[in-house]
N, C-alpha and C. Protein backbone atom coordinates (compact mmCIF):
# COMPACT_ATOMS: atom_id res chain seq x y z
N MET A 1 125.43 107.06 147.16
CA MET A 1 125.75 106.02 146.21
C MET A 1 127.08 105.38 146.62
N ARG A 2 127.10 104.07 146.56
CA ARG A 2 128.34 103.34 146.88
C ARG A 2 129.10 103.03 145.60
N PHE A 3 130.38 103.20 145.69
CA PHE A 3 131.22 102.85 144.55
C PHE A 3 131.92 101.54 144.85
N VAL A 4 131.94 100.66 143.86
CA VAL A 4 132.52 99.33 144.01
C VAL A 4 133.84 99.31 143.26
N PRO A 5 134.89 98.77 143.87
CA PRO A 5 136.16 98.72 143.15
C PRO A 5 136.07 97.77 141.95
N VAL A 6 136.83 98.09 140.93
CA VAL A 6 136.86 97.28 139.72
C VAL A 6 137.55 95.96 140.03
N LYS A 7 136.99 94.85 139.50
CA LYS A 7 137.59 93.54 139.72
C LYS A 7 138.85 93.39 138.87
N THR A 8 139.80 92.67 139.41
CA THR A 8 141.02 92.40 138.66
C THR A 8 140.75 91.30 137.64
N GLU A 9 141.68 91.12 136.73
CA GLU A 9 141.54 90.05 135.73
C GLU A 9 141.51 88.68 136.40
N ALA A 10 142.30 88.51 137.46
CA ALA A 10 142.34 87.23 138.17
C ALA A 10 140.99 86.94 138.82
N GLN A 11 140.37 87.97 139.42
CA GLN A 11 139.06 87.77 140.04
C GLN A 11 138.01 87.43 138.98
N GLN A 12 138.06 88.11 137.84
CA GLN A 12 137.12 87.82 136.77
C GLN A 12 137.30 86.41 136.23
N ALA A 13 138.56 85.97 136.15
CA ALA A 13 138.83 84.62 135.65
C ALA A 13 138.26 83.56 136.60
N VAL A 14 138.42 83.79 137.90
CA VAL A 14 137.89 82.84 138.88
C VAL A 14 136.37 82.79 138.81
N LEU A 15 135.72 83.95 138.68
CA LEU A 15 134.27 83.98 138.57
C LEU A 15 133.80 83.27 137.30
N LEU A 16 134.54 83.44 136.23
CA LEU A 16 134.21 82.76 134.97
C LEU A 16 134.31 81.25 135.14
N GLN A 17 135.34 80.78 135.83
CA GLN A 17 135.47 79.34 136.06
C GLN A 17 134.30 78.81 136.88
N HIS A 18 133.89 79.54 137.90
CA HIS A 18 132.77 79.09 138.73
C HIS A 18 131.47 79.04 137.92
N ARG A 19 131.23 80.06 137.11
CA ARG A 19 130.00 80.07 136.31
C ARG A 19 130.02 78.96 135.27
N THR A 20 131.18 78.73 134.68
CA THR A 20 131.30 77.68 133.66
C THR A 20 131.06 76.31 134.27
N ARG A 21 131.65 76.06 135.44
CA ARG A 21 131.45 74.77 136.10
C ARG A 21 130.00 74.59 136.51
N ASP A 22 129.38 75.63 137.02
CA ASP A 22 127.98 75.55 137.42
C ASP A 22 127.09 75.21 136.22
N LEU A 23 127.34 75.85 135.08
CA LEU A 23 126.58 75.56 133.87
C LEU A 23 126.80 74.12 133.43
N TRP A 24 128.06 73.66 133.47
CA TRP A 24 128.38 72.29 133.05
C TRP A 24 127.66 71.27 133.94
N VAL A 25 127.67 71.49 135.24
CA VAL A 25 127.03 70.56 136.17
C VAL A 25 125.52 70.53 135.92
N ARG A 26 124.90 71.71 135.73
CA ARG A 26 123.46 71.75 135.48
C ARG A 26 123.10 71.04 134.19
N GLN A 27 123.87 71.26 133.12
CA GLN A 27 123.57 70.62 131.85
C GLN A 27 123.78 69.12 131.92
N MET A 28 124.84 68.68 132.59
CA MET A 28 125.10 67.25 132.72
C MET A 28 123.97 66.58 133.49
N THR A 29 123.50 67.22 134.55
CA THR A 29 122.40 66.67 135.33
C THR A 29 121.13 66.59 134.49
N GLN A 30 120.85 67.61 133.70
CA GLN A 30 119.67 67.60 132.84
C GLN A 30 119.73 66.46 131.83
N ILE A 31 120.89 66.24 131.24
CA ILE A 31 121.05 65.19 130.24
C ILE A 31 120.86 63.82 130.87
N VAL A 32 121.48 63.60 132.03
CA VAL A 32 121.37 62.31 132.70
C VAL A 32 119.91 62.04 133.09
N ASN A 33 119.24 63.04 133.63
CA ASN A 33 117.85 62.86 134.02
C ASN A 33 116.96 62.61 132.80
N ALA A 34 117.25 63.27 131.68
CA ALA A 34 116.48 63.03 130.46
C ALA A 34 116.68 61.60 129.97
N ILE A 35 117.91 61.10 130.03
CA ILE A 35 118.19 59.72 129.61
C ILE A 35 117.43 58.74 130.51
N CYS A 36 117.43 59.01 131.81
CA CYS A 36 116.72 58.12 132.74
C CYS A 36 115.22 58.09 132.45
N THR A 37 114.65 59.25 132.16
CA THR A 37 113.21 59.27 131.89
C THR A 37 112.89 58.62 130.56
N HIS A 38 113.76 58.78 129.56
CA HIS A 38 113.52 58.11 128.28
C HIS A 38 113.63 56.60 128.44
N LEU A 39 114.58 56.13 129.21
CA LEU A 39 114.71 54.69 129.44
C LEU A 39 113.51 54.16 130.23
N ALA A 40 112.96 54.99 131.10
CA ALA A 40 111.80 54.55 131.89
C ALA A 40 110.60 54.27 130.99
N GLU A 41 110.52 54.95 129.85
CA GLU A 41 109.45 54.68 128.90
C GLU A 41 109.54 53.27 128.33
N PHE A 42 110.74 52.69 128.34
CA PHE A 42 110.93 51.34 127.84
C PHE A 42 110.99 50.32 128.97
N GLY A 43 110.71 50.76 130.19
CA GLY A 43 110.68 49.85 131.32
C GLY A 43 111.99 49.72 132.08
N VAL A 44 113.02 50.43 131.67
CA VAL A 44 114.29 50.40 132.38
C VAL A 44 114.22 51.50 133.44
N VAL A 45 114.12 51.10 134.70
CA VAL A 45 113.98 52.07 135.77
C VAL A 45 115.31 52.24 136.47
N ALA A 46 115.75 53.48 136.57
CA ALA A 46 117.00 53.79 137.25
C ALA A 46 116.77 55.06 138.06
N PRO A 47 117.44 55.20 139.18
CA PRO A 47 117.28 56.42 139.97
C PRO A 47 117.82 57.64 139.23
N LEU A 48 117.21 58.78 139.51
CA LEU A 48 117.68 60.03 138.90
C LEU A 48 118.94 60.51 139.58
N GLY A 49 119.75 61.23 138.84
CA GLY A 49 120.95 61.82 139.43
C GLY A 49 122.21 61.35 138.71
N VAL A 50 123.19 62.24 138.70
CA VAL A 50 124.46 61.96 138.04
C VAL A 50 125.20 60.81 138.72
N GLN A 51 125.04 60.69 140.04
CA GLN A 51 125.78 59.67 140.78
C GLN A 51 125.33 58.25 140.42
N HIS A 52 124.17 58.11 139.73
CA HIS A 52 123.64 56.79 139.38
C HIS A 52 123.87 56.43 137.91
N VAL A 53 124.70 57.18 137.20
CA VAL A 53 124.93 56.94 135.79
C VAL A 53 125.56 55.57 135.57
N GLU A 54 126.47 55.20 136.40
CA GLU A 54 127.16 53.92 136.21
C GLU A 54 126.21 52.74 136.32
N ALA A 55 125.10 52.90 137.04
CA ALA A 55 124.12 51.82 137.15
C ALA A 55 123.42 51.57 135.81
N LEU A 56 123.38 52.59 134.97
CA LEU A 56 122.73 52.42 133.67
C LEU A 56 123.59 51.59 132.76
């Protein structure tokens, strides 16, 4: 059995920041894509992706 050293508070804080940012990016992308698909139902066609938000 391998024993793993306990992470420091600083390491845990960095991991928390990475997970939080990853969640934020995924949710933002989902929202933008949902808006694009809802607008497509009304005939407003825009490319999917966060980078195309300003075009809307």
